Amino acid sequence: MKPARIQVDFNELIESDLVLLSQQDIKLDYSGQEVLLFPGKEIDIYMDDTDENGAVDNLVASGTVELNKTGLFPICKWNCRINANGIQHESELKNNKK
């Protein structure tokens, strides 16, 4: 089963591989389905973006849900730890698969 795809704001990175995810235990995915968050859950995350010509080219990453124990932004309960592939544009992923 593919991991849930959840929208984030990559401007809310609190470490180079850690982004704020949610204040609640349930977050809606890309298709509007509820996703229960828990430590260790693997997810895909994305942020709307466009290329230099205005075409949709979202930023994407994959990672693991973890409790926010950083001491920063205590209103946020959950973070996503981004895996070693980092944050990429969707077009980069498509080009790498060719």
N, C-alpha and C. Protein backbone atom coordinates (compact mmCIF):
# COMPACT_ATOMS: atom_id res chain seq x y z
N MET A 1 0.84 -1.19 0.00
CA MET A 1 0.00 0.00 0.00
C MET A 1 0.88 1.25 0.00
N LYS A 2 0.53 2.20 -0.84
CA LYS A 2 1.30 3.44 -0.92
C LYS A 2 1.07 4.29 0.33
N PRO A 3 2.12 4.99 0.78
CA PRO A 3 1.94 5.88 1.93
C PRO A 3 0.97 7.01 1.60
N ALA A 4 0.31 7.53 2.64
CA ALA A 4 -0.57 8.68 2.47
C ALA A 4 0.24 9.87 1.96
N ARG A 5 -0.39 10.71 1.16
CA ARG A 5 0.26 11.93 0.64
C ARG A 5 -0.39 13.13 1.31
N ILE A 6 0.39 13.83 2.15
CA ILE A 6 -0.13 14.90 3.00
C ILE A 6 0.57 16.21 2.66
N GLN A 7 -0.23 17.28 2.61
CA GLN A 7 0.31 18.60 2.31
C GLN A 7 1.00 19.19 3.54
N VAL A 8 2.15 19.79 3.31
CA VAL A 8 2.90 20.50 4.35
C VAL A 8 3.36 21.83 3.77
N ASP A 9 3.99 22.62 4.61
CA ASP A 9 4.61 23.87 4.17
C ASP A 9 6.11 23.73 4.43
N PHE A 10 6.89 23.54 3.37
CA PHE A 10 8.33 23.36 3.54
C PHE A 10 9.02 24.62 4.06
N ASN A 11 8.29 25.72 4.14
CA ASN A 11 8.82 26.92 4.80
C ASN A 11 8.83 26.72 6.32
N GLU A 12 8.19 25.65 6.79
CA GLU A 12 8.14 25.35 8.22
C GLU A 12 9.12 24.25 8.60
N LEU A 13 10.24 24.17 7.87
CA LEU A 13 11.31 23.25 8.27
C LEU A 13 11.92 23.76 9.57
N ILE A 14 12.07 22.88 10.55
CA ILE A 14 12.71 23.30 11.80
C ILE A 14 14.10 22.68 11.94
N GLU A 15 14.40 21.74 11.09
CA GLU A 15 15.74 21.19 10.89
C GLU A 15 15.83 20.91 9.40
N SER A 16 17.00 20.60 8.91
CA SER A 16 17.13 20.39 7.46
C SER A 16 16.31 19.21 6.97
N ASP A 17 15.96 18.29 7.89
CA ASP A 17 15.18 17.11 7.50
C ASP A 17 13.93 16.93 8.38
N LEU A 18 13.44 18.02 8.97
CA LEU A 18 12.29 17.93 9.86
C LEU A 18 11.33 19.08 9.60
N VAL A 19 10.08 18.75 9.29
CA VAL A 19 9.08 19.77 8.98
C VAL A 19 7.87 19.60 9.89
N LEU A 20 7.28 20.72 10.28
CA LEU A 20 6.05 20.68 11.07
C LEU A 20 4.97 19.99 10.25
N LEU A 21 4.15 19.17 10.92
CA LEU A 21 3.17 18.39 10.20
C LEU A 21 1.74 18.67 10.63
N SER A 22 1.43 18.58 11.94
CA SER A 22 0.03 18.70 12.34
C SER A 22 -0.12 18.99 13.83
N GLN A 23 -1.18 19.72 14.15
CA GLN A 23 -1.56 19.95 15.54
C GLN A 23 -2.46 18.83 16.06
N GLN A 24 -3.08 18.09 15.13
CA GLN A 24 -4.07 17.07 15.47
C GLN A 24 -3.54 15.67 15.13
N ASP A 25 -4.24 14.64 15.66
CA ASP A 25 -3.86 13.26 15.39
C ASP A 25 -4.35 12.76 14.03
N ILE A 26 -5.26 13.50 13.42
CA ILE A 26 -5.78 13.13 12.11
C ILE A 26 -5.55 14.28 11.14
N LYS A 27 -5.05 13.92 9.96
CA LYS A 27 -4.76 14.90 8.92
C LYS A 27 -5.39 14.38 7.63
N LEU A 28 -5.89 15.28 6.80
CA LEU A 28 -6.45 14.87 5.51
C LEU A 28 -5.33 14.71 4.49
N ASP A 29 -5.42 13.64 3.69
CA ASP A 29 -4.44 13.43 2.64
C ASP A 29 -4.85 14.15 1.36
N TYR A 30 -4.10 13.95 0.31
CA TYR A 30 -4.29 14.59 -0.99
C TYR A 30 -5.70 14.38 -1.54
N SER A 31 -6.27 13.22 -1.27
CA SER A 31 -7.60 12.89 -1.80
C SER A 31 -8.73 13.20 -0.83
N GLY A 32 -8.40 13.79 0.34
CA GLY A 32 -9.43 14.14 1.31
C GLY A 32 -9.74 13.05 2.33
N GLN A 33 -8.99 11.95 2.29
CA GLN A 33 -9.19 10.87 3.24
C GLN A 33 -8.47 11.18 4.55
N GLU A 34 -9.07 10.77 5.67
CA GLU A 34 -8.45 10.97 6.97
C GLU A 34 -7.29 10.00 7.16
N VAL A 35 -6.20 10.53 7.69
CA VAL A 35 -5.02 9.73 7.97
C VAL A 35 -4.70 9.87 9.46
N LEU A 36 -4.66 8.76 10.18
CA LEU A 36 -4.30 8.76 11.59
C LEU A 36 -2.79 8.82 11.70
N LEU A 37 -2.29 9.82 12.42
CA LEU A 37 -0.85 9.98 12.60
C LEU A 37 -0.39 9.26 13.85
N PHE A 38 0.76 8.61 13.75
CA PHE A 38 1.35 7.94 14.90
C PHE A 38 2.85 7.82 14.64
N PRO A 39 3.65 7.70 15.71
CA PRO A 39 5.10 7.60 15.52
C PRO A 39 5.48 6.43 14.62
N GLY A 40 6.34 6.70 13.67
CA GLY A 40 6.83 5.67 12.77
C GLY A 40 6.03 5.49 11.50
N LYS A 41 4.88 6.14 11.38
CA LYS A 41 4.07 6.02 10.17
C LYS A 41 4.81 6.65 9.00
N GLU A 42 4.94 5.90 7.92
CA GLU A 42 5.59 6.41 6.72
C GLU A 42 4.57 7.17 5.88
N ILE A 43 4.96 8.37 5.45
CA ILE A 43 4.07 9.21 4.64
C ILE A 43 4.86 9.87 3.52
N ASP A 44 4.14 10.29 2.50
CA ASP A 44 4.68 11.17 1.48
C ASP A 44 4.13 12.56 1.77
N ILE A 45 4.94 13.57 1.60
CA ILE A 45 4.49 14.94 1.84
C ILE A 45 4.75 15.77 0.59
N TYR A 46 3.97 16.84 0.46
CA TYR A 46 4.13 17.69 -0.72
C TYR A 46 3.75 19.12 -0.38
N MET A 47 4.21 20.03 -1.22
CA MET A 47 3.82 21.44 -1.15
C MET A 47 3.60 21.91 -2.58
N ASP A 48 2.50 22.62 -2.79
CA ASP A 48 2.22 23.17 -4.11
C ASP A 48 3.36 24.07 -4.57
N ASP A 49 3.75 23.92 -5.82
CA ASP A 49 4.80 24.75 -6.39
C ASP A 49 4.64 24.75 -7.91
N THR A 50 5.28 25.68 -8.56
CA THR A 50 5.27 25.76 -10.02
C THR A 50 6.69 25.95 -10.51
N ASP A 51 6.90 25.61 -11.79
CA ASP A 51 8.21 25.83 -12.39
C ASP A 51 8.31 27.26 -12.94
N GLU A 52 9.40 27.55 -13.58
CA GLU A 52 9.64 28.91 -14.08
C GLU A 52 8.65 29.33 -15.16
N ASN A 53 7.93 28.37 -15.75
CA ASN A 53 6.93 28.68 -16.77
C ASN A 53 5.51 28.70 -16.22
N GLY A 54 5.38 28.49 -14.90
CA GLY A 54 4.06 28.51 -14.28
C GLY A 54 3.35 27.17 -14.27
N ALA A 55 4.00 26.12 -14.77
CA ALA A 55 3.40 24.78 -14.76
C ALA A 55 3.54 24.16 -13.37
N VAL A 56 2.57 23.38 -12.99
CA VAL A 56 2.59 22.72 -11.68
C VAL A 56 3.80 21.79 -11.60
N ASP A 57 4.60 21.95 -10.56
CA ASP A 57 5.76 21.10 -10.29
C ASP A 57 5.97 21.09 -8.78
N ASN A 58 5.12 20.32 -8.09
CA ASN A 58 5.11 20.33 -6.64
C ASN A 58 6.43 19.85 -6.04
N LEU A 59 6.72 20.37 -4.86
CA LEU A 59 7.83 19.86 -4.06
C LEU A 59 7.33 18.64 -3.31
N VAL A 60 8.13 17.58 -3.28
CA VAL A 60 7.72 16.33 -2.65
C VAL A 60 8.86 15.74 -1.83
N ALA A 61 8.48 14.93 -0.84
CA ALA A 61 9.45 14.20 -0.03
C ALA A 61 8.72 13.04 0.63
N SER A 62 9.47 12.12 1.17
CA SER A 62 8.93 11.01 1.94
C SER A 62 9.60 11.02 3.29
N GLY A 63 8.89 10.50 4.29
CA GLY A 63 9.47 10.48 5.61
C GLY A 63 8.63 9.72 6.61
N THR A 64 8.94 9.94 7.87
CA THR A 64 8.32 9.22 8.97
C THR A 64 7.75 10.21 9.97
N VAL A 65 6.54 9.92 10.43
CA VAL A 65 5.88 10.76 11.43
C VAL A 65 6.57 10.57 12.78
N GLU A 66 6.77 11.69 13.50
CA GLU A 66 7.29 11.61 14.86
C GLU A 66 6.67 12.71 15.71
N LEU A 67 6.58 12.45 17.00
CA LEU A 67 6.09 13.46 17.92
C LEU A 67 7.03 14.65 17.92
N ASN A 68 6.48 15.84 18.08
CA ASN A 68 7.29 17.04 18.14
C ASN A 68 7.89 17.16 19.55
N LYS A 69 9.12 16.72 19.69
CA LYS A 69 9.83 16.79 20.97
C LYS A 69 10.98 17.79 20.91
N THR A 70 10.91 18.69 19.93
CA THR A 70 12.01 19.63 19.71
C THR A 70 12.01 20.78 20.72
N GLY A 71 10.86 21.03 21.33
CA GLY A 71 10.73 22.20 22.19
C GLY A 71 10.35 23.45 21.40
N LEU A 72 10.37 23.33 20.08
CA LEU A 72 10.00 24.43 19.20
C LEU A 72 8.56 24.24 18.76
N PHE A 73 7.83 25.32 18.63
CA PHE A 73 6.45 25.30 18.14
C PHE A 73 5.60 24.26 18.87
N PRO A 74 5.46 24.40 20.19
CA PRO A 74 4.74 23.40 20.98
C PRO A 74 3.28 23.21 20.57
N ILE A 75 2.71 24.14 19.81
CA ILE A 75 1.33 23.98 19.34
C ILE A 75 1.24 22.82 18.33
N CYS A 76 2.35 22.49 17.71
CA CYS A 76 2.40 21.41 16.72
C CYS A 76 2.73 20.10 17.43
N LYS A 77 1.84 19.11 17.30
CA LYS A 77 2.04 17.81 17.95
C LYS A 77 2.92 16.88 17.13
N TRP A 78 2.79 16.94 15.81
CA TRP A 78 3.45 15.98 14.93
C TRP A 78 4.39 16.67 13.93
N ASN A 79 5.52 16.02 13.66
CA ASN A 79 6.47 16.43 12.63
C ASN A 79 6.67 15.29 11.66
N CYS A 80 7.30 15.59 10.55
CA CYS A 80 7.71 14.55 9.61
C CYS A 80 9.22 14.64 9.44
N ARG A 81 9.89 13.51 9.71
CA ARG A 81 11.34 13.40 9.49
C ARG A 81 11.55 12.93 8.06
N ILE A 82 12.13 13.79 7.24
CA ILE A 82 12.31 13.54 5.82
C ILE A 82 13.46 12.56 5.61
N ASN A 83 13.25 11.58 4.73
CA ASN A 83 14.29 10.57 4.51
C ASN A 83 15.47 11.15 3.72
N ALA A 84 16.46 10.30 3.46
CA ALA A 84 17.72 10.74 2.84
C ALA A 84 17.55 11.25 1.41
N ASN A 85 16.42 10.96 0.76
CA ASN A 85 16.19 11.48 -0.59
C ASN A 85 15.91 12.98 -0.59
N GLY A 86 15.56 13.53 0.56
CA GLY A 86 15.34 14.97 0.68
C GLY A 86 14.09 15.46 -0.02
N ILE A 87 14.07 16.76 -0.26
CA ILE A 87 12.94 17.42 -0.92
C ILE A 87 13.30 17.63 -2.38
N GLN A 88 12.39 17.22 -3.27
CA GLN A 88 12.64 17.33 -4.70
C GLN A 88 11.38 17.84 -5.39
N HIS A 89 11.54 18.32 -6.60
CA HIS A 89 10.38 18.62 -7.43
C HIS A 89 9.90 17.33 -8.07
N GLU A 90 8.59 17.24 -8.30
CA GLU A 90 8.03 16.04 -8.95
C GLU A 90 8.70 15.78 -10.30
N SER A 91 9.02 16.83 -11.03
CA SER A 91 9.67 16.65 -12.33
C SER A 91 11.02 15.98 -12.19
N GLU A 92 11.73 16.23 -11.11
CA GLU A 92 13.02 15.58 -10.88
C GLU A 92 12.83 14.08 -10.68
N LEU A 93 11.78 13.70 -9.95
CA LEU A 93 11.50 12.29 -9.73
C LEU A 93 11.17 11.59 -11.03
N LYS A 94 10.37 12.23 -11.87
CA LYS A 94 10.02 11.64 -13.16
C LYS A 94 11.24 11.50 -14.04
N ASN A 95 12.13 12.49 -14.04
CA ASN A 95 13.34 12.43 -14.86
C ASN A 95 14.29 11.35 -14.37
N ASN A 96 14.33 11.10 -13.05
CA ASN A 96 15.21 10.07 -12.50
C ASN A 96 14.73 8.67 -12.82
N LYS A 97 13.42 8.51 -13.10
CA LYS A 97 12.87 7.19 -13.41
C LYS A 97 13.07 6.79 -14.85
N LYS A 98 13.46 7.74 -15.69
CA LYS A 98 13.64 7.44 -17.12
C LYS A 98 14.91 6.68 -17.36
